[in-house]
């Protein structure tokens, strides 16, 4: 009986620790990518297409690495939605379509926010 209680307590502590880590990881990623998107939006509004394209390509490379880690504990469809909107953003910047680029910036931010809200360490996500 005593070993069962110890085992349950250890599993609870490990689960809580992993949940907090995953929540903080997605929150930090969301904040970092939001700041990068703000810089891309500013470059788009200023008509600096090359700067926006360079930052988007850089973000795509970083996202590929983060997407692998996020896929371990997040729904793959949500991670793919972020990847897809980032690819659409890059193409619209390459084609110099400001309207579509800003639309895909918003789509990227919304998809990333959805991942963050679904991974948040709150009671409704635990139960």
C-alpha atoms as a PDB file:
ATOM      1  CA  UNK A   1       0.000   0.000   0.000  1.00  0.00           C
ATOM      2  CA  UNK A   2       2.778   2.384   0.940  1.00  0.00           C
ATOM      3  CA  UNK A   3       4.667   1.751  -2.314  1.00  0.00           C
ATOM      4  CA  UNK A   4       1.451   2.390  -4.278  1.00  0.00           C
ATOM      5  CA  UNK A   5       1.028   5.801  -2.633  1.00  0.00           C
ATOM      6  CA  UNK A   6       4.662   6.686  -3.304  1.00  0.00           C
ATOM      7  CA  UNK A   7       4.315   5.602  -6.940  1.00  0.00           C
ATOM      8  CA  UNK A   8       1.148   7.670  -7.416  1.00  0.00           C
ATOM      9  CA  UNK A   9       2.775  10.701  -5.765  1.00  0.00           C
ATOM     10  CA  UNK A  10       5.850  10.432  -8.000  1.00  0.00           C
ATOM     11  CA  UNK A  11       3.680  10.082 -11.128  1.00  0.00           C
ATOM     12  CA  UNK A  12       1.632  13.112 -10.070  1.00  0.00           C
ATOM     13  CA  UNK A  13       4.740  15.241  -9.523  1.00  0.00           C
ATOM     14  CA  UNK A  14       6.237  14.150 -12.860  1.00  0.00           C
ATOM     15  CA  UNK A  15       2.961  14.840 -14.688  1.00  0.00           C
ATOM     16  CA  UNK A  16       2.632  18.265 -13.130  1.00  0.00           C
ATOM     17  CA  UNK A  17       6.246  19.104 -13.939  1.00  0.00           C
ATOM     18  CA  UNK A  18       5.895  17.980 -17.546  1.00  0.00           C
ATOM     19  CA  UNK A  19       2.627  19.895 -17.914  1.00  0.00           C
ATOM     20  CA  UNK A  20       4.150  23.094 -16.567  1.00  0.00           C
ATOM     21  CA  UNK A  21       7.230  22.709 -18.781  1.00  0.00           C
ATOM     22  CA  UNK A  22       5.135  22.156 -21.932  1.00  0.00           C
ATOM     23  CA  UNK A  23       2.905  25.095 -21.091  1.00  0.00           C
ATOM     24  CA  UNK A  24       5.834  27.436 -20.490  1.00  0.00           C
ATOM     25  CA  UNK A  25       7.596  26.218 -23.638  1.00  0.00           C
ATOM     26  CA  UNK A  26       4.620  26.944 -25.891  1.00  0.00           C
ATOM     27  CA  UNK A  27       4.020  30.299 -24.188  1.00  0.00           C
ATOM     28  CA  UNK A  28       7.631  31.366 -24.781  1.00  0.00           C
ATOM     29  CA  UNK A  29       7.505  30.241 -28.417  1.00  0.00           C
ATOM     30  CA  UNK A  30       4.241  32.061 -28.945  1.00  0.00           C
ATOM     31  CA  UNK A  31       5.627  35.290 -27.492  1.00  0.00           C
ATOM     32  CA  UNK A  32       8.874  35.048 -29.480  1.00  0.00           C
ATOM     33  CA  UNK A  33       7.136  34.382 -32.780  1.00  0.00           C
ATOM     34  CA  UNK A  34       4.601  37.124 -32.114  1.00  0.00           C
ATOM     35  CA  UNK A  35       7.450  39.626 -31.745  1.00  0.00           C
ATOM     36  CA  UNK A  36       9.007  38.396 -34.975  1.00  0.00           C
ATOM     37  CA  UNK A  37       5.658  38.717 -36.753  1.00  0.00           C
ATOM     38  CA  UNK A  38       5.330  42.277 -35.484  1.00  0.00           C
ATOM     39  CA  UNK A  39       8.706  43.063 -37.077  1.00  0.00           C
ATOM     40  CA  UNK A  40       7.604  41.439 -40.352  1.00  0.00           C
ATOM     41  CA  UNK A  41       4.345  43.388 -40.298  1.00  0.00           C
ATOM     42  CA  UNK A  42       6.268  46.634 -39.781  1.00  0.00           C
ATOM     43  CA  UNK A  43       8.546  45.783 -42.710  1.00  0.00           C
ATOM     44  CA  UNK A  44       5.524  45.005 -44.906  1.00  0.00           C
ATOM     45  CA  UNK A  45       3.814  48.259 -43.993  1.00  0.00           C
ATOM     46  CA  UNK A  46       7.031  50.159 -44.779  1.00  0.00           C
ATOM     47  CA  UNK A  47       7.337  48.410 -48.138  1.00  0.00           C
ATOM     48  CA  UNK A  48      10.591  46.685 -47.180  1.00  0.00           C
ATOM     49  CA  UNK A  49       9.917  43.444 -49.044  1.00  0.00           C
ATOM     50  CA  UNK A  50      13.466  42.081 -48.857  1.00  0.00           C
ATOM     51  CA  UNK A  51      13.648  42.568 -45.105  1.00  0.00           C
ATOM     52  CA  UNK A  52      10.257  40.920 -44.633  1.00  0.00           C
ATOM     53  CA  UNK A  53      11.259  38.008 -46.851  1.00  0.00           C
ATOM     54  CA  UNK A  54      14.577  37.483 -45.063  1.00  0.00           C
ATOM     55  CA  UNK A  55      12.890  37.506 -41.666  1.00  0.00           C
ATOM     56  CA  UNK A  56      10.188  35.128 -42.866  1.00  0.00           C
ATOM     57  CA  UNK A  57      12.724  32.659 -44.258  1.00  0.00           C
ATOM     58  CA  UNK A  58      14.689  32.858 -41.022  1.00  0.00           C
ATOM     59  CA  UNK A  59      11.504  32.232 -39.063  1.00  0.00           C
ATOM     60  CA  UNK A  60      10.648  29.237 -41.258  1.00  0.00           C
ATOM     61  CA  UNK A  61      14.001  27.621 -40.489  1.00  0.00           C
ATOM     62  CA  UNK A  62      13.547  28.147 -36.751  1.00  0.00           C
ATOM     63  CA  UNK A  63       9.949  26.937 -36.897  1.00  0.00           C
ATOM     64  CA  UNK A  64      10.975  23.619 -38.480  1.00  0.00           C
ATOM     65  CA  UNK A  65      13.100  22.862 -35.416  1.00  0.00           C
ATOM     66  CA  UNK A  66      10.446  23.975 -32.954  1.00  0.00           C
ATOM     67  CA  UNK A  67       7.697  22.115 -34.823  1.00  0.00           C
ATOM     68  CA  UNK A  68       9.483  18.810 -34.240  1.00  0.00           C
ATOM     69  CA  UNK A  69       9.517  19.410 -30.507  1.00  0.00           C
ATOM     70  CA  UNK A  70       5.949  20.718 -30.405  1.00  0.00           C
ATOM     71  CA  UNK A  71       4.745  17.659 -32.296  1.00  0.00           C
ATOM     72  CA  UNK A  72       5.754  15.517 -29.340  1.00  0.00           C
ATOM     73  CA  UNK A  73       3.043  16.971 -27.114  1.00  0.00           C
ATOM     74  CA  UNK A  74       0.759  18.976 -29.393  1.00  0.00           C
ATOM     75  CA  UNK A  75      -1.754  18.029 -32.049  1.00  0.00           C
ATOM     76  CA  UNK A  76       0.051  17.601 -35.380  1.00  0.00           C
ATOM     77  CA  UNK A  77      -2.746  19.290 -37.319  1.00  0.00           C
ATOM     78  CA  UNK A  78      -2.279  22.491 -35.332  1.00  0.00           C
ATOM     79  CA  UNK A  79       1.482  22.458 -35.850  1.00  0.00           C
ATOM     80  CA  UNK A  80       0.938  21.833 -39.566  1.00  0.00           C
ATOM     81  CA  UNK A  81      -1.519  24.754 -39.726  1.00  0.00           C
ATOM     82  CA  UNK A  82       1.167  27.089 -38.389  1.00  0.00           C
ATOM     83  CA  UNK A  83       3.724  25.694 -40.845  1.00  0.00           C
ATOM     84  CA  UNK A  84       1.307  26.057 -43.738  1.00  0.00           C
ATOM     85  CA  UNK A  85       0.402  29.665 -42.911  1.00  0.00           C
ATOM     86  CA  UNK A  86       4.107  30.500 -42.629  1.00  0.00           C
ATOM     87  CA  UNK A  87       4.732  29.012 -46.083  1.00  0.00           C
ATOM     88  CA  UNK A  88       1.789  30.983 -47.480  1.00  0.00           C
ATOM     89  CA  UNK A  89       3.215  34.138 -45.923  1.00  0.00           C
ATOM     90  CA  UNK A  90       6.591  33.548 -47.574  1.00  0.00           C
ATOM     91  CA  UNK A  91       5.014  33.017 -50.995  1.00  0.00           C
ATOM     92  CA  UNK A  92       2.827  36.113 -50.714  1.00  0.00           C
ATOM     93  CA  UNK A  93       5.868  38.195 -49.743  1.00  0.00           C
ATOM     94  CA  UNK A  94       7.828  36.760 -52.670  1.00  0.00           C
ATOM     95  CA  UNK A  95       4.953  37.818 -54.944  1.00  0.00           C
ATOM     96  CA  UNK A  96       4.768  41.228 -53.193  1.00  0.00           C
ATOM     97  CA  UNK A  97       1.098  40.868 -52.325  1.00  0.00           C
ATOM     98  CA  UNK A  98       0.689  43.003 -49.242  1.00  0.00           C
ATOM     99  CA  UNK A  99      -2.981  42.153 -48.636  1.00  0.00           C
ATOM    100  CA  UNK A 100      -2.365  38.400 -48.661  1.00  0.00           C
ATOM    101  CA  UNK A 101       0.833  38.743 -46.644  1.00  0.00           C
ATOM    102  CA  UNK A 102      -0.987  40.589 -43.864  1.00  0.00           C
ATOM    103  CA  UNK A 103      -3.785  38.031 -44.017  1.00  0.00           C
ATOM    104  CA  UNK A 104      -1.301  35.186 -43.533  1.00  0.00           C
ATOM    105  CA  UNK A 105       0.411  37.045 -40.696  1.00  0.00           C
ATOM    106  CA  UNK A 106      -2.934  37.117 -38.908  1.00  0.00           C
ATOM    107  CA  UNK A 107      -3.566  33.446 -39.738  1.00  0.00           C
ATOM    108  CA  UNK A 108      -0.122  32.483 -38.415  1.00  0.00           C
ATOM    109  CA  UNK A 109      -0.665  34.384 -35.171  1.00  0.00           C
ATOM    110  CA  UNK A 110      -4.124  32.860 -34.703  1.00  0.00           C
ATOM    111  CA  UNK A 111      -2.865  29.316 -35.315  1.00  0.00           C
ATOM    112  CA  UNK A 112       0.009  29.825 -32.903  1.00  0.00           C
ATOM    113  CA  UNK A 113      -2.314  31.298 -30.279  1.00  0.00           C
ATOM    114  CA  UNK A 114      -4.533  28.234 -30.614  1.00  0.00           C
ATOM    115  CA  UNK A 115      -1.586  25.962 -29.840  1.00  0.00           C
ATOM    116  CA  UNK A 116      -0.703  28.126 -26.848  1.00  0.00           C
ATOM    117  CA  UNK A 117      -4.252  28.117 -25.481  1.00  0.00           C
ATOM    118  CA  UNK A 118      -4.632  24.351 -25.942  1.00  0.00           C
ATOM    119  CA  UNK A 119      -1.339  23.659 -24.158  1.00  0.00           C
ATOM    120  CA  UNK A 120      -1.951  26.101 -21.332  1.00  0.00           C
ATOM    121  CA  UNK A 121      -1.708  24.411 -17.959  1.00  0.00           C
ATOM    122  CA  UNK A 122      -5.235  25.088 -16.758  1.00  0.00           C
ATOM    123  CA  UNK A 123      -7.851  22.837 -15.174  1.00  0.00           C
ATOM    124  CA  UNK A 124     -10.049  22.508 -18.267  1.00  0.00           C
ATOM    125  CA  UNK A 125      -7.092  21.172 -20.304  1.00  0.00           C
ATOM    126  CA  UNK A 126      -6.153  18.679 -17.588  1.00  0.00           C
ATOM    127  CA  UNK A 127      -9.610  17.229 -17.145  1.00  0.00           C
END
